N, C-alpha and C. Protein backbone atom coordinates (compact mmCIF):
# COMPACT_ATOMS: atom_id res chain seq x y z
N UNK A 1 0.84 -1.17 0.00
CA UNK A 1 0.00 0.00 0.00
C UNK A 1 0.88 1.24 0.00
N UNK A 2 0.53 2.23 -0.78
CA UNK A 2 1.30 3.45 -0.90
C UNK A 2 1.24 4.27 0.39
N UNK A 3 2.34 4.94 0.70
CA UNK A 3 2.41 5.79 1.87
C UNK A 3 1.55 7.05 1.68
N UNK A 4 1.31 7.45 0.47
CA UNK A 4 0.55 8.66 0.22
C UNK A 4 -0.09 8.58 -1.15
N UNK A 5 -0.94 9.55 -1.41
CA UNK A 5 -1.57 9.66 -2.71
C UNK A 5 -1.46 11.10 -3.18
N UNK A 6 -2.13 11.40 -4.27
CA UNK A 6 -2.12 12.75 -4.81
C UNK A 6 -3.55 13.18 -5.07
N UNK A 7 -3.89 14.40 -4.70
CA UNK A 7 -5.23 14.94 -4.95
C UNK A 7 -5.41 15.13 -6.45
N UNK A 8 -6.49 14.58 -6.99
CA UNK A 8 -6.75 14.68 -8.42
C UNK A 8 -7.11 16.09 -8.85
N UNK A 9 -7.55 16.93 -7.92
CA UNK A 9 -7.96 18.29 -8.25
C UNK A 9 -6.80 19.28 -8.17
N UNK A 10 -6.09 19.28 -7.04
CA UNK A 10 -5.04 20.30 -6.84
C UNK A 10 -3.63 19.76 -7.03
N UNK A 11 -3.47 18.44 -7.07
CA UNK A 11 -2.16 17.84 -7.26
C UNK A 11 -1.31 17.75 -6.01
N UNK A 12 -1.87 18.16 -4.86
CA UNK A 12 -1.12 18.09 -3.60
C UNK A 12 -0.95 16.65 -3.17
N UNK A 13 0.20 16.40 -2.51
CA UNK A 13 0.44 15.09 -1.93
C UNK A 13 -0.45 14.93 -0.71
N UNK A 14 -1.08 13.78 -0.59
CA UNK A 14 -1.95 13.48 0.54
C UNK A 14 -1.15 12.65 1.52
N UNK A 15 -1.03 13.11 2.78
CA UNK A 15 -0.22 12.39 3.75
C UNK A 15 -0.77 11.01 4.05
N UNK A 16 0.09 10.13 4.42
CA UNK A 16 -0.33 8.80 4.78
C UNK A 16 0.79 8.06 5.47
N UNK A 17 0.58 6.93 6.07
CA UNK A 17 -0.76 6.38 6.23
C UNK A 17 -1.63 7.34 7.03
N UNK A 18 -2.91 7.29 6.75
CA UNK A 18 -3.81 8.32 7.25
C UNK A 18 -3.86 8.45 8.75
N UNK A 19 -3.27 9.54 9.21
CA UNK A 19 -3.42 9.99 10.59
C UNK A 19 -3.99 11.39 10.53
N UNK A 20 -4.02 11.95 9.37
CA UNK A 20 -4.55 13.29 9.14
C UNK A 20 -5.33 13.25 7.86
N UNK A 21 -5.04 14.15 6.99
CA UNK A 21 -5.73 14.08 5.73
C UNK A 21 -5.59 15.32 4.90
N UNK A 22 -6.33 15.31 3.83
CA UNK A 22 -6.35 16.37 2.83
C UNK A 22 -7.80 16.75 2.63
N UNK A 23 -8.13 18.02 2.82
CA UNK A 23 -9.51 18.46 2.68
C UNK A 23 -9.86 18.59 1.20
N UNK A 24 -10.94 17.92 0.80
CA UNK A 24 -11.38 17.98 -0.59
C UNK A 24 -12.06 19.29 -0.95
N UNK A 25 -12.34 20.12 0.05
CA UNK A 25 -12.97 21.42 -0.21
C UNK A 25 -11.94 22.53 -0.36
N UNK A 26 -11.03 22.66 0.62
CA UNK A 26 -10.06 23.76 0.59
C UNK A 26 -8.67 23.32 0.14
N UNK A 27 -8.46 22.01 0.05
CA UNK A 27 -7.20 21.41 -0.41
C UNK A 27 -6.01 21.72 0.49
N UNK A 28 -6.27 21.87 1.79
CA UNK A 28 -5.21 21.99 2.77
C UNK A 28 -4.94 20.61 3.36
N UNK A 29 -3.70 20.38 3.82
CA UNK A 29 -3.33 19.12 4.43
C UNK A 29 -3.23 19.26 5.94
N UNK A 30 -3.54 18.18 6.67
CA UNK A 30 -3.56 18.19 8.12
C UNK A 30 -2.80 16.99 8.66
N UNK A 31 -2.12 17.19 9.80
CA UNK A 31 -1.31 16.10 10.35
C UNK A 31 -2.12 15.13 11.19
N UNK A 32 -3.37 15.48 11.52
CA UNK A 32 -4.20 14.60 12.34
C UNK A 32 -5.67 14.81 12.01
N UNK A 33 -6.47 13.82 12.35
CA UNK A 33 -7.91 13.98 12.16
C UNK A 33 -8.45 15.11 13.03
N UNK A 34 -7.84 15.29 14.21
CA UNK A 34 -8.24 16.36 15.11
C UNK A 34 -8.02 17.72 14.45
N UNK A 35 -6.84 17.94 13.89
CA UNK A 35 -6.54 19.21 13.21
C UNK A 35 -7.47 19.41 12.02
N UNK A 36 -7.74 18.34 11.28
CA UNK A 36 -8.66 18.41 10.15
C UNK A 36 -10.03 18.88 10.62
N UNK A 37 -10.52 18.30 11.71
CA UNK A 37 -11.83 18.68 12.24
C UNK A 37 -11.88 20.11 12.74
N UNK A 38 -10.77 20.60 13.28
CA UNK A 38 -10.74 21.98 13.80
C UNK A 38 -10.92 23.02 12.70
N UNK A 39 -10.58 22.67 11.47
CA UNK A 39 -10.63 23.67 10.42
C UNK A 39 -12.02 23.79 9.77
N UNK A 40 -12.98 23.04 10.24
CA UNK A 40 -14.34 23.10 9.69
C UNK A 40 -15.26 23.80 10.67
N UNK A 41 -16.14 24.64 10.17
CA UNK A 41 -17.11 25.37 10.98
C UNK A 41 -18.47 25.29 10.32
N UNK A 42 -19.49 25.61 11.09
CA UNK A 42 -20.84 25.66 10.56
C UNK A 42 -21.58 24.35 10.69
N UNK A 43 -22.78 24.35 10.16
CA UNK A 43 -23.67 23.19 10.27
C UNK A 43 -24.13 22.74 8.89
N UNK A 44 -24.23 21.44 8.73
CA UNK A 44 -24.75 20.89 7.48
C UNK A 44 -26.21 21.31 7.31
N UNK A 45 -26.56 21.78 6.13
CA UNK A 45 -27.94 22.10 5.81
C UNK A 45 -28.50 23.34 6.49
N UNK A 46 -27.67 24.15 7.11
CA UNK A 46 -28.14 25.36 7.77
C UNK A 46 -27.68 26.57 6.97
N UNK A 47 -28.58 27.18 6.17
CA UNK A 47 -28.17 28.31 5.33
C UNK A 47 -27.71 29.53 6.14
N UNK A 48 -28.12 29.63 7.40
CA UNK A 48 -27.68 30.75 8.23
C UNK A 48 -26.27 30.54 8.79
N UNK A 49 -25.84 29.29 8.85
CA UNK A 49 -24.51 28.95 9.35
C UNK A 49 -23.97 27.77 8.54
N UNK A 50 -23.72 27.99 7.24
CA UNK A 50 -23.32 26.86 6.38
C UNK A 50 -21.95 26.30 6.74
N UNK A 51 -21.82 25.02 6.46
CA UNK A 51 -20.55 24.33 6.71
C UNK A 51 -19.50 24.90 5.77
N UNK A 52 -18.31 25.21 6.32
CA UNK A 52 -17.24 25.76 5.50
C UNK A 52 -15.89 25.47 6.14
N UNK A 53 -14.85 25.70 5.37
CA UNK A 53 -13.48 25.58 5.87
C UNK A 53 -13.02 26.94 6.38
N UNK A 54 -12.19 26.92 7.41
CA UNK A 54 -11.55 28.15 7.85
C UNK A 54 -10.48 28.53 6.84
N UNK A 55 -10.24 29.82 6.70
CA UNK A 55 -9.14 30.27 5.86
C UNK A 55 -7.82 30.06 6.61
N UNK A 56 -6.69 30.07 5.91
CA UNK A 56 -5.41 29.96 6.61
C UNK A 56 -5.25 31.02 7.71
N UNK A 57 -5.68 32.25 7.47
CA UNK A 57 -5.60 33.29 8.50
C UNK A 57 -6.46 32.94 9.71
N UNK A 58 -7.66 32.40 9.48
CA UNK A 58 -8.53 32.01 10.59
C UNK A 58 -7.92 30.85 11.38
N UNK A 59 -7.27 29.91 10.68
CA UNK A 59 -6.64 28.80 11.38
C UNK A 59 -5.50 29.32 12.26
N UNK A 60 -4.70 30.24 11.73
CA UNK A 60 -3.61 30.82 12.53
C UNK A 60 -4.16 31.57 13.75
N UNK A 61 -5.25 32.31 13.57
CA UNK A 61 -5.88 33.04 14.68
C UNK A 61 -6.31 32.09 15.80
N UNK A 62 -6.61 30.85 15.46
CA UNK A 62 -7.04 29.86 16.45
C UNK A 62 -5.88 29.04 16.98
N UNK A 63 -4.66 29.44 16.65
CA UNK A 63 -3.48 28.77 17.19
C UNK A 63 -2.93 27.64 16.35
N UNK A 64 -3.55 27.35 15.21
CA UNK A 64 -3.04 26.30 14.34
C UNK A 64 -1.81 26.83 13.59
N UNK A 65 -0.96 25.92 13.15
CA UNK A 65 0.21 26.34 12.38
C UNK A 65 0.62 25.23 11.42
N UNK A 66 1.49 25.58 10.50
CA UNK A 66 2.02 24.60 9.55
C UNK A 66 3.29 23.99 10.12
N UNK A 67 3.41 22.67 9.97
CA UNK A 67 4.66 22.02 10.40
C UNK A 67 5.65 22.03 9.25
N UNK A 68 6.80 21.42 9.45
CA UNK A 68 7.85 21.46 8.43
C UNK A 68 7.49 20.70 7.16
N UNK A 69 6.47 19.86 7.22
CA UNK A 69 6.00 19.15 6.01
C UNK A 69 4.90 19.91 5.30
N UNK A 70 4.53 21.09 5.82
CA UNK A 70 3.48 21.88 5.19
C UNK A 70 2.08 21.42 5.55
N UNK A 71 1.96 20.65 6.63
CA UNK A 71 0.65 20.18 7.09
C UNK A 71 0.22 21.03 8.28
N UNK A 72 -1.07 21.33 8.35
CA UNK A 72 -1.60 22.08 9.49
C UNK A 72 -1.63 21.20 10.73
N UNK A 73 -1.22 21.77 11.85
CA UNK A 73 -1.27 21.10 13.15
C UNK A 73 -2.21 21.89 14.05
N UNK A 74 -2.74 21.23 15.07
CA UNK A 74 -3.74 21.88 15.92
C UNK A 74 -3.18 23.04 16.72
N UNK A 75 -1.91 22.96 17.09
CA UNK A 75 -1.27 24.11 17.73
C UNK A 75 0.24 23.96 17.60
N UNK A 76 0.90 25.09 17.57
CA UNK A 76 2.35 25.08 17.46
C UNK A 76 2.96 24.69 18.80
N UNK A 77 4.04 23.97 18.73
CA UNK A 77 4.76 23.62 19.96
C UNK A 77 5.55 24.83 20.44
N UNK A 78 5.62 24.98 21.75
CA UNK A 78 6.50 25.99 22.33
C UNK A 78 7.93 25.54 22.07
N UNK A 79 8.86 26.46 21.82
CA UNK A 79 10.25 26.07 21.53
C UNK A 79 10.85 25.15 22.59
N UNK A 80 10.55 25.39 23.87
CA UNK A 80 11.12 24.54 24.92
C UNK A 80 10.55 23.12 24.86
N UNK A 81 9.29 22.98 24.45
CA UNK A 81 8.70 21.64 24.31
C UNK A 81 9.35 20.89 23.16
N UNK A 82 9.56 21.59 22.05
CA UNK A 82 10.19 20.96 20.90
C UNK A 82 11.60 20.49 21.24
N UNK A 83 12.34 21.31 21.99
CA UNK A 83 13.70 20.94 22.40
C UNK A 83 13.67 19.68 23.25
N UNK A 84 12.71 19.58 24.18
CA UNK A 84 12.59 18.40 25.03
C UNK A 84 12.28 17.15 24.19
N UNK A 85 11.35 17.29 23.27
CA UNK A 85 10.97 16.16 22.42
C UNK A 85 12.14 15.74 21.55
N UNK A 86 12.82 16.71 20.94
CA UNK A 86 13.94 16.37 20.07
C UNK A 86 15.06 15.72 20.86
N UNK A 87 15.23 16.10 22.12
CA UNK A 87 16.23 15.46 22.96
C UNK A 87 15.91 13.99 23.18
N UNK A 88 14.62 13.67 23.26
CA UNK A 88 14.19 12.29 23.46
C UNK A 88 14.21 11.49 22.16
N UNK A 89 14.08 12.21 21.03
CA UNK A 89 14.02 11.55 19.73
C UNK A 89 14.82 12.40 18.75
N UNK A 90 16.02 12.00 18.46
CA UNK A 90 16.92 12.81 17.64
C UNK A 90 16.49 12.91 16.18
N UNK A 91 15.39 12.26 15.79
CA UNK A 91 14.96 12.32 14.39
C UNK A 91 14.22 13.60 14.08
N UNK A 92 13.98 14.48 15.06
CA UNK A 92 13.31 15.75 14.79
C UNK A 92 11.83 15.57 14.59
N UNK A 93 11.09 15.25 15.62
CA UNK A 93 9.71 14.86 15.52
C UNK A 93 8.74 15.97 15.11
N UNK A 94 9.19 17.21 14.95
CA UNK A 94 8.27 18.27 14.53
C UNK A 94 7.51 17.86 13.27
N UNK A 95 8.17 17.11 12.38
CA UNK A 95 7.50 16.65 11.17
C UNK A 95 6.29 15.79 11.47
N UNK A 96 6.29 15.10 12.59
CA UNK A 96 5.22 14.17 12.91
C UNK A 96 4.14 14.79 13.77
N UNK A 97 4.30 16.03 14.14
CA UNK A 97 3.34 16.68 15.04
C UNK A 97 2.33 17.49 14.29
């Protein structure tokens, strides 16, 4: 099984194995299902509050950020946390967060 795929619409690489995903509406990539869910707002079938994706600026306003692989994460790590994690795992785990 392939580690990733490619979006037929935008050509972006889709991360895998799936722990996150690629939004078929806004074509942004996410490092986790949780981060993917955070970027959606509104309600299905409610014209007063329609379901939509947050813009990149709105995601940043809510504390989300892009990791080194270009995937949105639910929140950026504090520099001291990243240093602690990297000390425990010399492979540089920011890519996996």
